[in-house]
Amino acid sequence: MADGGIGVSGAQAAARVSRGSRPLIGADALLTLYTGFFLVFMFAPLLLMVVASFNDISPPSVTEWRGLTDKWYAFFWMEEAELRADPVLRALDRDRFVGCFENSLWVALGVVPMALLLGLAGAVMLTRWRSRFNGFLWWVLLSPLLAPGIVLGLSALVFWGSVGVDAGLFTIMMAQLTFIAGYPMLILMARLQRQPVEYEEAALDLGASPFRVFRRITLPFLAPALISAGVIAFMASMENYNTTMFAKGGACTFATEIGAMARNPNGHPPVINAVGTVIIVLTVIAAVAHTALQRGERKK
């Protein structure tokens, strides 16, 4: 009787566990389905853009196929006579597009170092300076990230215009810097919070100056985060449209020129798809390289 009672209760417990596990299987299936839909929603447009960049038709299409071509990529280096012979490409101003891209590079070269310096200063202050105002400073320093890009662009335009600076690449730099500096600050804060403060305190107790402690201990520890922050700041500067659009005046950048080309009432030229494909390839290469570097750092 005892053995039978134990056997029955054990079977009942197993049945209850089995019944209780069924919703978990359903939840796993639902999560898998959601993940699949999410991946399709995110990457299907990118794949279609890549396919359309090789289709010999304008505006770009994947439903009407007219053969493979690489002329949308060759637009940037093909001969002038060949360019003028194409009915689609001859309507585009290649020199202006290249010039706008160069403007974006100059802007990024100015924004990235300043964003790293400001972000580093903010990160050190918020992680090392103990004050009751830290919470307030946190929101003050991060508020530009939450502000609309239109507001940042217009405010930079009005401020620098009031002191006699005409709108152009400089105002674009200043407008972008107001919010891009927040990205390095967050990345560097996360890194600094992982560093034991005892190392710095011990070095100070042994007579090292604060600058020497920062240069020999803190900065080497921050090196990987500084590289990541610099890459993110560069990408944020290159792709920024809203803030740049309202601060550029008569200048142009890579993002604003693509935006102008995309507003073509007859459809955007496939050159934009080719540029987007190149950006995707470079992003994937950078992500793979970053992952490899991180794995190497963990092994060390």
C-alpha atoms as a PDB file:
ATOM      1  CA  MET A   1       0.000   0.000   0.000  1.00  0.00           C
ATOM      2  CA  ALA A   2       2.740   2.394   0.908  1.00  0.00           C
ATOM      3  CA  ASP A   3       4.670   1.633  -2.230  1.00  0.00           C
ATOM      4  CA  GLY A   4       1.527   1.955  -4.311  1.00  0.00           C
ATOM      5  CA  GLY A   5       0.660   5.256  -2.644  1.00  0.00           C
ATOM      6  CA  ILE A   6       4.103   6.568  -3.331  1.00  0.00           C
ATOM      7  CA  GLY A   7       3.854   5.430  -6.954  1.00  0.00           C
ATOM      8  CA  VAL A   8       0.491   7.162  -7.432  1.00  0.00           C
ATOM      9  CA  SER A   9       1.621  10.409  -5.846  1.00  0.00           C
ATOM     10  CA  GLY A  10       4.799  10.318  -7.948  1.00  0.00           C
ATOM     11  CA  ALA A  11       2.775   9.845 -11.129  1.00  0.00           C
ATOM     12  CA  GLN A  12       0.459  12.691 -10.152  1.00  0.00           C
ATOM     13  CA  ALA A  13       3.442  14.966  -9.517  1.00  0.00           C
ATOM     14  CA  ALA A  14       4.935  14.028 -12.882  1.00  0.00           C
ATOM     15  CA  ALA A  15       1.615  14.756 -14.560  1.00  0.00           C
ATOM     16  CA  ARG A  16       1.407  18.142 -12.864  1.00  0.00           C
ATOM     17  CA  VAL A  17       4.962  18.977 -13.978  1.00  0.00           C
ATOM     18  CA  SER A  18       4.093  17.854 -17.506  1.00  0.00           C
ATOM     19  CA  ARG A  19       0.960  20.009 -17.559  1.00  0.00           C
ATOM     20  CA  GLY A  20       2.906  22.935 -16.108  1.00  0.00           C
ATOM     21  CA  SER A  21       5.578  22.668 -18.774  1.00  0.00           C
ATOM     22  CA  ARG A  22       3.163  22.949 -21.677  1.00  0.00           C
ATOM     23  CA  PRO A  23       2.757  26.734 -21.440  1.00  0.00           C
ATOM     24  CA  LEU A  24       6.558  27.018 -21.451  1.00  0.00           C
ATOM     25  CA  ILE A  25       6.714  25.184 -24.769  1.00  0.00           C
ATOM     26  CA  GLY A  26       4.068  27.513 -26.142  1.00  0.00           C
ATOM     27  CA  ALA A  27       5.970  30.525 -24.828  1.00  0.00           C
ATOM     28  CA  ASP A  28       9.164  29.303 -26.521  1.00  0.00           C
ATOM     29  CA  ALA A  29       7.332  28.875 -29.819  1.00  0.00           C
ATOM     30  CA  LEU A  30       5.807  32.329 -29.488  1.00  0.00           C
ATOM     31  CA  LEU A  31       9.200  33.853 -28.720  1.00  0.00           C
ATOM     32  CA  THR A  32      10.734  32.083 -31.729  1.00  0.00           C
ATOM     33  CA  LEU A  33       7.914  33.335 -33.961  1.00  0.00           C
ATOM     34  CA  TYR A  34       8.322  36.882 -32.654  1.00  0.00           C
ATOM     35  CA  THR A  35      12.092  36.764 -33.181  1.00  0.00           C
ATOM     36  CA  GLY A  36      11.576  35.524 -36.738  1.00  0.00           C
ATOM     37  CA  PHE A  37       9.117  38.319 -37.548  1.00  0.00           C
ATOM     38  CA  PHE A  38      11.461  40.858 -35.964  1.00  0.00           C
ATOM     39  CA  LEU A  39      14.439  39.686 -38.041  1.00  0.00           C
ATOM     40  CA  VAL A  40      12.353  39.737 -41.226  1.00  0.00           C
ATOM     41  CA  PHE A  41      11.047  43.212 -40.398  1.00  0.00           C
ATOM     42  CA  MET A  42      14.575  44.494 -39.762  1.00  0.00           C
ATOM     43  CA  PHE A  43      16.566  42.833 -42.529  1.00  0.00           C
ATOM     44  CA  ALA A  44      14.151  42.197 -45.404  1.00  0.00           C
ATOM     45  CA  PRO A  45      14.197  45.875 -46.518  1.00  0.00           C
ATOM     46  CA  LEU A  46      17.993  45.840 -46.424  1.00  0.00           C
ATOM     47  CA  LEU A  47      18.180  42.682 -48.532  1.00  0.00           C
ATOM     48  CA  LEU A  48      15.702  44.140 -51.033  1.00  0.00           C
ATOM     49  CA  MET A  49      17.786  47.309 -51.229  1.00  0.00           C
ATOM     50  CA  VAL A  50      20.917  45.273 -51.957  1.00  0.00           C
ATOM     51  CA  VAL A  51      19.134  43.281 -54.687  1.00  0.00           C
ATOM     52  CA  ALA A  52      17.713  46.446 -56.255  1.00  0.00           C
ATOM     53  CA  SER A  53      21.181  47.996 -56.387  1.00  0.00           C
ATOM     54  CA  PHE A  54      22.108  45.454 -59.089  1.00  0.00           C
ATOM     55  CA  ASN A  55      18.925  45.868 -61.140  1.00  0.00           C
ATOM     56  CA  ASP A  56      19.251  47.883 -64.363  1.00  0.00           C
ATOM     57  CA  ILE A  57      16.149  49.983 -63.762  1.00  0.00           C
ATOM     58  CA  SER A  58      15.353  53.367 -62.249  1.00  0.00           C
ATOM     59  CA  PRO A  59      13.621  53.985 -59.864  1.00  0.00           C
ATOM     60  CA  PRO A  60      14.903  50.879 -58.043  1.00  0.00           C
ATOM     61  CA  SER A  61      12.687  47.804 -58.157  1.00  0.00           C
ATOM     62  CA  VAL A  62      12.840  44.113 -57.297  1.00  0.00           C
ATOM     63  CA  THR A  63       9.538  43.193 -58.938  1.00  0.00           C
ATOM     64  CA  GLU A  64      10.511  44.387 -62.427  1.00  0.00           C
ATOM     65  CA  TRP A  65      13.870  42.943 -63.417  1.00  0.00           C
ATOM     66  CA  ARG A  66      15.843  44.271 -66.395  1.00  0.00           C
ATOM     67  CA  GLY A  67      19.155  42.511 -65.892  1.00  0.00           C
ATOM     68  CA  LEU A  68      22.248  42.733 -63.727  1.00  0.00           C
ATOM     69  CA  THR A  69      24.372  45.862 -63.744  1.00  0.00           C
ATOM     70  CA  ASP A  70      27.110  47.470 -61.694  1.00  0.00           C
ATOM     71  CA  LYS A  71      26.763  50.953 -63.171  1.00  0.00           C
ATOM     72  CA  TRP A  72      25.089  52.321 -60.032  1.00  0.00           C
ATOM     73  CA  TYR A  73      28.341  51.529 -58.196  1.00  0.00           C
ATOM     74  CA  ALA A  74      30.565  52.616 -61.110  1.00  0.00           C
ATOM     75  CA  PHE A  75      28.855  56.022 -61.050  1.00  0.00           C
ATOM     76  CA  PHE A  76      31.630  57.310 -58.789  1.00  0.00           C
ATOM     77  CA  TRP A  77      34.552  56.373 -61.065  1.00  0.00           C
ATOM     78  CA  MET A  78      33.216  55.881 -64.605  1.00  0.00           C
ATOM     79  CA  GLU A  79      34.436  58.068 -67.469  1.00  0.00           C
ATOM     80  CA  GLU A  80      32.650  61.364 -68.052  1.00  0.00           C
ATOM     81  CA  ALA A  81      31.595  60.358 -71.574  1.00  0.00           C
ATOM     82  CA  GLU A  82      30.052  57.130 -70.301  1.00  0.00           C
ATOM     83  CA  LEU A  83      28.345  59.035 -67.514  1.00  0.00           C
ATOM     84  CA  ARG A  84      26.787  61.522 -69.937  1.00  0.00           C
ATOM     85  CA  ALA A  85      25.572  58.708 -72.173  1.00  0.00           C
ATOM     86  CA  ASP A  86      23.407  57.167 -69.453  1.00  0.00           C
ATOM     87  CA  PRO A  87      19.916  58.773 -69.250  1.00  0.00           C
ATOM     88  CA  VAL A  88      19.704  58.323 -65.470  1.00  0.00           C
ATOM     89  CA  LEU A  89      23.246  59.034 -64.298  1.00  0.00           C
ATOM     90  CA  ARG A  90      23.719  62.155 -66.404  1.00  0.00           C
ATOM     91  CA  ALA A  91      20.989  63.859 -64.372  1.00  0.00           C
ATOM     92  CA  LEU A  92      23.060  63.454 -61.194  1.00  0.00           C
ATOM     93  CA  ASP A  93      25.785  65.846 -60.088  1.00  0.00           C
ATOM     94  CA  ARG A  94      28.670  63.541 -59.221  1.00  0.00           C
ATOM     95  CA  ASP A  95      31.028  66.333 -58.203  1.00  0.00           C
ATOM     96  CA  ARG A  96      28.491  67.762 -55.778  1.00  0.00           C
ATOM     97  CA  PHE A  97      27.798  64.329 -54.254  1.00  0.00           C
ATOM     98  CA  VAL A  98      31.512  63.688 -53.727  1.00  0.00           C
ATOM     99  CA  GLY A  99      31.949  67.195 -52.319  1.00  0.00           C
ATOM    100  CA  CYS A 100      29.123  66.659 -49.843  1.00  0.00           C
ATOM    101  CA  PHE A 101      30.712  63.393 -48.754  1.00  0.00           C
ATOM    102  CA  GLU A 102      34.008  65.202 -48.159  1.00  0.00           C
ATOM    103  CA  ASN A 103      32.144  67.806 -46.094  1.00  0.00           C
ATOM    104  CA  SER A 104      30.765  65.002 -43.915  1.00  0.00           C
ATOM    105  CA  LEU A 105      34.267  63.660 -43.373  1.00  0.00           C
ATOM    106  CA  TRP A 106      35.537  67.096 -42.330  1.00  0.00           C
ATOM    107  CA  VAL A 107      32.609  67.524 -39.954  1.00  0.00           C
ATOM    108  CA  ALA A 108      33.178  64.069 -38.442  1.00  0.00           C
ATOM    109  CA  LEU A 109      36.913  64.737 -38.057  1.00  0.00           C
ATOM    110  CA  GLY A 110      36.025  67.799 -36.002  1.00  0.00           C
ATOM    111  CA  VAL A 111      33.143  66.280 -34.040  1.00  0.00           C
ATOM    112  CA  VAL A 112      34.699  62.960 -33.001  1.00  0.00           C
ATOM    113  CA  PRO A 113      37.742  64.297 -31.055  1.00  0.00           C
ATOM    114  CA  MET A 114      35.666  66.963 -29.313  1.00  0.00           C
ATOM    115  CA  ALA A 115      32.908  64.455 -28.501  1.00  0.00           C
ATOM    116  CA  LEU A 116      35.467  62.067 -27.001  1.00  0.00           C
ATOM    117  CA  LEU A 117      37.001  64.816 -24.865  1.00  0.00           C
ATOM    118  CA  LEU A 118      33.656  66.101 -23.625  1.00  0.00           C
ATOM    119  CA  GLY A 119      32.306  62.589 -23.114  1.00  0.00           C
ATOM    120  CA  LEU A 120      35.425  61.572 -21.189  1.00  0.00           C
ATOM    121  CA  ALA A 121      35.188  64.650 -18.981  1.00  0.00           C
ATOM    122  CA  GLY A 122      31.524  63.976 -18.250  1.00  0.00           C
ATOM    123  CA  ALA A 123      32.120  60.280 -17.559  1.00  0.00           C
ATOM    124  CA  VAL A 124      34.993  60.955 -15.143  1.00  0.00           C
ATOM    125  CA  MET A 125      33.019  63.642 -13.351  1.00  0.00           C
ATOM    126  CA  LEU A 126      29.904  61.500 -12.906  1.00  0.00           C
ATOM    127  CA  THR A 127      31.787  58.369 -11.802  1.00  0.00           C
ATOM    128  CA  ARG A 128      34.570  59.864  -9.700  1.00  0.00           C
ATOM    129  CA  TRP A 129      33.058  63.056  -8.294  1.00  0.00           C
ATOM    130  CA  ARG A 130      30.831  62.221  -5.349  1.00  0.00           C
ATOM    131  CA  SER A 131      28.209  64.920  -4.958  1.00  0.00           C
ATOM    132  CA  ARG A 132      24.516  65.228  -4.262  1.00  0.00           C
ATOM    133  CA  PHE A 133      24.215  67.034  -7.590  1.00  0.00           C
ATOM    134  CA  ASN A 134      25.285  63.985  -9.608  1.00  0.00           C
ATOM    135  CA  GLY A 135      21.710  63.054 -10.432  1.00  0.00           C
ATOM    136  CA  PHE A 136      20.973  66.559 -11.668  1.00  0.00           C
ATOM    137  CA  LEU A 137      24.179  66.663 -13.711  1.00  0.00           C
ATOM    138  CA  TRP A 138      23.302  63.288 -15.236  1.00  0.00           C
ATOM    139  CA  TRP A 139      20.072  64.648 -16.665  1.00  0.00           C
ATOM    140  CA  VAL A 140      21.657  67.915 -17.769  1.00  0.00           C
ATOM    141  CA  LEU A 141      24.417  66.152 -19.699  1.00  0.00           C
ATOM    142  CA  LEU A 142      22.051  63.633 -21.278  1.00  0.00           C
ATOM    143  CA  SER A 143      19.233  66.060 -22.103  1.00  0.00           C
ATOM    144  CA  PRO A 144      20.579  66.839 -25.618  1.00  0.00           C
ATOM    145  CA  LEU A 145      20.162  63.152 -26.497  1.00  0.00           C
ATOM    146  CA  LEU A 146      16.460  63.475 -25.712  1.00  0.00           C
ATOM    147  CA  ALA A 147      15.926  66.790 -27.502  1.00  0.00           C
ATOM    148  CA  PRO A 148      14.524  66.758 -31.064  1.00  0.00           C
ATOM    149  CA  GLY A 149      17.166  67.222 -33.744  1.00  0.00           C
ATOM    150  CA  ILE A 150      15.248  70.145 -35.201  1.00  0.00           C
ATOM    151  CA  VAL A 151      15.522  72.029 -31.911  1.00  0.00           C
ATOM    152  CA  LEU A 152      19.264  71.400 -31.647  1.00  0.00           C
ATOM    153  CA  GLY A 153      19.888  72.485 -35.242  1.00  0.00           C
ATOM    154  CA  LEU A 154      17.819  75.653 -35.004  1.00  0.00           C
ATOM    155  CA  SER A 155      19.257  76.621 -31.611  1.00  0.00           C
ATOM    156  CA  ALA A 156      22.820  76.249 -32.937  1.00  0.00           C
ATOM    157  CA  LEU A 157      21.905  78.284 -36.023  1.00  0.00           C
ATOM    158  CA  VAL A 158      20.361  81.088 -33.952  1.00  0.00           C
ATOM    159  CA  PHE A 159      23.137  81.180 -31.346  1.00  0.00           C
ATOM    160  CA  TRP A 160      26.082  81.246 -33.742  1.00  0.00           C
ATOM    161  CA  GLY A 161      24.258  83.601 -36.068  1.00  0.00           C
ATOM    162  CA  SER A 162      23.805  86.050 -33.181  1.00  0.00           C
ATOM    163  CA  VAL A 163      27.585  86.175 -32.653  1.00  0.00           C
ATOM    164  CA  GLY A 164      28.305  86.710 -36.335  1.00  0.00           C
ATOM    165  CA  VAL A 165      29.095  83.153 -37.490  1.00  0.00           C
ATOM    166  CA  ASP A 166      27.421  82.205 -40.749  1.00  0.00           C
ATOM    167  CA  ALA A 167      25.744  78.824 -41.089  1.00  0.00           C
ATOM    168  CA  GLY A 168      28.000  76.180 -42.606  1.00  0.00           C
ATOM    169  CA  LEU A 169      30.259  73.319 -41.619  1.00  0.00           C
ATOM    170  CA  PHE A 170      31.204  74.958 -38.308  1.00  0.00           C
ATOM    171  CA  THR A 171      27.587  75.316 -37.166  1.00  0.00           C
ATOM    172  CA  ILE A 172      26.973  71.714 -38.249  1.00  0.00           C
ATOM    173  CA  MET A 173      29.861  70.592 -36.022  1.00  0.00           C
ATOM    174  CA  MET A 174      28.585  72.556 -33.041  1.00  0.00           C
ATOM    175  CA  ALA A 175      25.016  71.341 -33.498  1.00  0.00           C
ATOM    176  CA  GLN A 176      26.067  67.709 -33.797  1.00  0.00           C
ATOM    177  CA  LEU A 177      28.458  67.964 -30.877  1.00  0.00           C
ATOM    178  CA  THR A 178      25.663  68.932 -28.486  1.00  0.00           C
ATOM    179  CA  PHE A 179      24.159  65.441 -28.608  1.00  0.00           C
ATOM    180  CA  ILE A 180      26.887  63.179 -30.039  1.00  0.00           C
ATOM    181  CA  ALA A 181      29.087  63.833 -26.985  1.00  0.00           C
ATOM    182  CA  GLY A 182      26.478  61.948 -24.946  1.00  0.00           C
ATOM    183  CA  TYR A 183      27.257  58.630 -26.676  1.00  0.00           C
ATOM    184  CA  PRO A 184      30.946  58.506 -25.658  1.00  0.00           C
ATOM    185  CA  MET A 185      29.992  59.630 -22.172  1.00  0.00           C
ATOM    186  CA  LEU A 186      27.635  56.675 -21.681  1.00  0.00           C
ATOM    187  CA  ILE A 187      30.139  54.189 -23.119  1.00  0.00           C
ATOM    188  CA  LEU A 188      33.016  55.509 -21.022  1.00  0.00           C
ATOM    189  CA  MET A 189      30.885  55.642 -17.878  1.00  0.00           C
ATOM    190  CA  ALA A 190      30.036  51.964 -18.287  1.00  0.00           C
ATOM    191  CA  ARG A 191      33.741  51.182 -18.631  1.00  0.00           C
ATOM    192  CA  LEU A 192      34.807  53.340 -15.669  1.00  0.00           C
ATOM    193  CA  GLN A 193      32.229  51.735 -13.400  1.00  0.00           C
ATOM    194  CA  ARG A 194      33.993  48.397 -13.980  1.00  0.00           C
ATOM    195  CA  GLN A 195      37.392  49.748 -12.972  1.00  0.00           C
ATOM    196  CA  PRO A 196      38.363  49.237  -9.298  1.00  0.00           C
ATOM    197  CA  VAL A 197      38.840  52.658  -7.728  1.00  0.00           C
ATOM    198  CA  GLU A 198      41.379  51.125  -5.354  1.00  0.00           C
ATOM    199  CA  TYR A 199      44.036  51.133  -8.094  1.00  0.00           C
ATOM    200  CA  GLU A 200      43.815  54.889  -8.467  1.00  0.00           C
ATOM    201  CA  GLU A 201      43.673  55.471  -4.722  1.00  0.00           C
ATOM    202  CA  ALA A 202      46.726  53.287  -4.164  1.00  0.00           C
ATOM    203  CA  ALA A 203      48.698  55.170  -6.810  1.00  0.00           C
ATOM    204  CA  LEU A 204      47.739  58.497  -5.226  1.00  0.00           C
ATOM    205  CA  ASP A 205      48.804  57.229  -1.797  1.00  0.00           C
ATOM    206  CA  LEU A 206      52.183  56.276  -3.254  1.00  0.00           C
ATOM    207  CA  GLY A 207      52.745  59.848  -4.386  1.00  0.00           C
ATOM    208  CA  ALA A 208      51.626  59.819  -8.031  1.00  0.00           C
ATOM    209  CA  SER A 209      49.985  62.987  -9.290  1.00  0.00           C
ATOM    210  CA  PRO A 210      46.347  62.849 -10.443  1.00  0.00           C
ATOM    211  CA  PHE A 211      47.438  63.429 -14.043  1.00  0.00           C
ATOM    212  CA  ARG A 212      49.964  60.583 -13.859  1.00  0.00           C
ATOM    213  CA  VAL A 213      47.321  58.281 -12.367  1.00  0.00           C
ATOM    214  CA  PHE A 214      44.947  59.159 -15.168  1.00  0.00           C
ATOM    215  CA  ARG A 215      47.604  58.706 -17.863  1.00  0.00           C
ATOM    216  CA  ARG A 216      49.102  55.464 -16.564  1.00  0.00           C
ATOM    217  CA  ILE A 217      46.050  53.691 -15.074  1.00  0.00           C
ATOM    218  CA  THR A 218      42.723  55.138 -16.145  1.00  0.00           C
ATOM    219  CA  LEU A 219      43.448  55.960 -19.786  1.00  0.00           C
ATOM    220  CA  PRO A 220      44.894  52.527 -20.725  1.00  0.00           C
ATOM    221  CA  PHE A 221      41.874  50.893 -19.108  1.00  0.00           C
ATOM    222  CA  LEU A 222      39.578  53.126 -21.181  1.00  0.00           C
ATOM    223  CA  ALA A 223      41.380  52.512 -24.495  1.00  0.00           C
ATOM    224  CA  PRO A 224      38.953  49.851 -25.867  1.00  0.00           C
ATOM    225  CA  ALA A 225      35.949  51.964 -24.865  1.00  0.00           C
ATOM    226  CA  LEU A 226      37.487  55.056 -26.456  1.00  0.00           C
ATOM    227  CA  ILE A 227      37.853  53.208 -29.761  1.00  0.00           C
ATOM    228  CA  SER A 228      34.247  52.006 -29.647  1.00  0.00           C
ATOM    229  CA  ALA A 229      33.016  55.459 -28.665  1.00  0.00           C
ATOM    230  CA  GLY A 230      34.984  57.045 -31.503  1.00  0.00           C
ATOM    231  CA  VAL A 231      33.461  54.669 -34.072  1.00  0.00           C
ATOM    232  CA  ILE A 232      29.939  55.295 -32.801  1.00  0.00           C
ATOM    233  CA  ALA A 233      30.490  59.069 -32.748  1.00  0.00           C
ATOM    234  CA  PHE A 234      31.820  58.941 -36.321  1.00  0.00           C
ATOM    235  CA  MET A 235      28.814  56.957 -37.550  1.00  0.00           C
ATOM    236  CA  ALA A 236      26.389  59.241 -35.705  1.00  0.00           C
ATOM    237  CA  SER A 237      27.976  62.284 -37.337  1.00  0.00           C
ATOM    238  CA  MET A 238      27.994  60.810 -40.843  1.00  0.00           C
ATOM    239  CA  GLU A 239      24.377  59.681 -40.794  1.00  0.00           C
ATOM    240  CA  ASN A 240      22.836  62.610 -38.936  1.00  0.00           C
ATOM    241  CA  TYR A 241      20.150  64.367 -40.943  1.00  0.00           C
ATOM    242  CA  ASN A 242      17.658  66.272 -38.778  1.00  0.00           C
ATOM    243  CA  THR A 243      20.102  68.392 -36.792  1.00  0.00           C
ATOM    244  CA  THR A 244      22.400  68.916 -39.778  1.00  0.00           C
ATOM    245  CA  MET A 245      19.544  69.947 -42.059  1.00  0.00           C
ATOM    246  CA  PHE A 246      18.630  72.904 -39.875  1.00  0.00           C
ATOM    247  CA  ALA A 247      22.198  74.006 -39.116  1.00  0.00           C
ATOM    248  CA  LYS A 248      23.869  73.677 -42.506  1.00  0.00           C
ATOM    249  CA  GLY A 249      22.839  76.905 -44.192  1.00  0.00           C
ATOM    250  CA  GLY A 250      24.019  76.636 -47.786  1.00  0.00           C
ATOM    251  CA  ALA A 251      26.422  73.758 -47.134  1.00  0.00           C
ATOM    252  CA  CYS A 252      25.668  70.099 -47.738  1.00  0.00           C
ATOM    253  CA  THR A 253      26.666  66.782 -46.211  1.00  0.00           C
ATOM    254  CA  PHE A 254      26.476  63.148 -47.209  1.00  0.00           C
ATOM    255  CA  ALA A 255      23.175  62.634 -45.357  1.00  0.00           C
ATOM    256  CA  THR A 256      21.467  65.814 -46.556  1.00  0.00           C
ATOM    257  CA  GLU A 257      22.456  65.178 -50.186  1.00  0.00           C
ATOM    258  CA  ILE A 258      21.060  61.640 -50.065  1.00  0.00           C
ATOM    259  CA  GLY A 259      17.911  63.064 -48.508  1.00  0.00           C
ATOM    260  CA  ALA A 260      17.605  65.568 -51.350  1.00  0.00           C
ATOM    261  CA  MET A 261      18.098  62.808 -53.938  1.00  0.00           C
ATOM    262  CA  ALA A 262      15.502  60.621 -52.204  1.00  0.00           C
ATOM    263  CA  ARG A 263      12.892  63.386 -52.471  1.00  0.00           C
ATOM    264  CA  ASN A 264      12.948  63.171 -56.279  1.00  0.00           C
ATOM    265  CA  PRO A 265       9.275  63.145 -57.388  1.00  0.00           C
ATOM    266  CA  ASN A 266      10.139  60.565 -60.077  1.00  0.00           C
ATOM    267  CA  GLY A 267      11.705  58.203 -57.546  1.00  0.00           C
ATOM    268  CA  HIS A 268      15.164  58.131 -56.033  1.00  0.00           C
ATOM    269  CA  PRO A 269      18.062  57.018 -58.248  1.00  0.00           C
ATOM    270  CA  PRO A 270      19.507  53.515 -57.636  1.00  0.00           C
ATOM    271  CA  VAL A 271      22.826  55.148 -56.759  1.00  0.00           C
ATOM    272  CA  ILE A 272      21.382  55.560 -53.262  1.00  0.00           C
ATOM    273  CA  ASN A 273      20.840  51.797 -53.060  1.00  0.00           C
ATOM    274  CA  ALA A 274      24.452  51.240 -54.121  1.00  0.00           C
ATOM    275  CA  VAL A 275      25.699  53.631 -51.438  1.00  0.00           C
ATOM    276  CA  GLY A 276      23.506  51.921 -48.837  1.00  0.00           C
ATOM    277  CA  THR A 277      24.867  48.516 -49.829  1.00  0.00           C
ATOM    278  CA  VAL A 278      28.452  49.729 -49.412  1.00  0.00           C
ATOM    279  CA  ILE A 279      27.581  51.117 -45.977  1.00  0.00           C
ATOM    280  CA  ILE A 280      26.051  47.775 -44.955  1.00  0.00           C
ATOM    281  CA  VAL A 281      29.157  45.880 -46.067  1.00  0.00           C
ATOM    282  CA  LEU A 282      31.464  48.262 -44.198  1.00  0.00           C
ATOM    283  CA  THR A 283      29.279  48.032 -41.081  1.00  0.00           C
ATOM    284  CA  VAL A 284      29.368  44.232 -41.114  1.00  0.00           C
ATOM    285  CA  ILE A 285      33.153  44.246 -41.565  1.00  0.00           C
ATOM    286  CA  ALA A 286      33.537  46.702 -38.668  1.00  0.00           C
ATOM    287  CA  ALA A 287      31.242  44.610 -36.452  1.00  0.00           C
ATOM    288  CA  VAL A 288      33.162  41.410 -37.206  1.00  0.00           C
ATOM    289  CA  ALA A 289      36.489  43.137 -36.556  1.00  0.00           C
ATOM    290  CA  HIS A 290      35.197  44.592 -33.280  1.00  0.00           C
ATOM    291  CA  THR A 291      33.973  41.165 -32.161  1.00  0.00           C
ATOM    292  CA  ALA A 292      37.334  39.605 -33.007  1.00  0.00           C
ATOM    293  CA  LEU A 293      39.163  42.289 -31.033  1.00  0.00           C
ATOM    294  CA  GLN A 294      36.896  41.742 -28.035  1.00  0.00           C
ATOM    295  CA  ARG A 295      37.522  37.999 -28.103  1.00  0.00           C
ATOM    296  CA  GLY A 296      41.259  38.629 -28.283  1.00  0.00           C
ATOM    297  CA  GLU A 297      41.016  40.959 -25.293  1.00  0.00           C
ATOM    298  CA  ARG A 298      39.094  38.343 -23.270  1.00  0.00           C
ATOM    299  CA  LYS A 299      41.698  35.681 -24.045  1.00  0.00           C
ATOM    300  CA  LYS A 300      44.431  38.000 -22.793  1.00  0.00           C
END
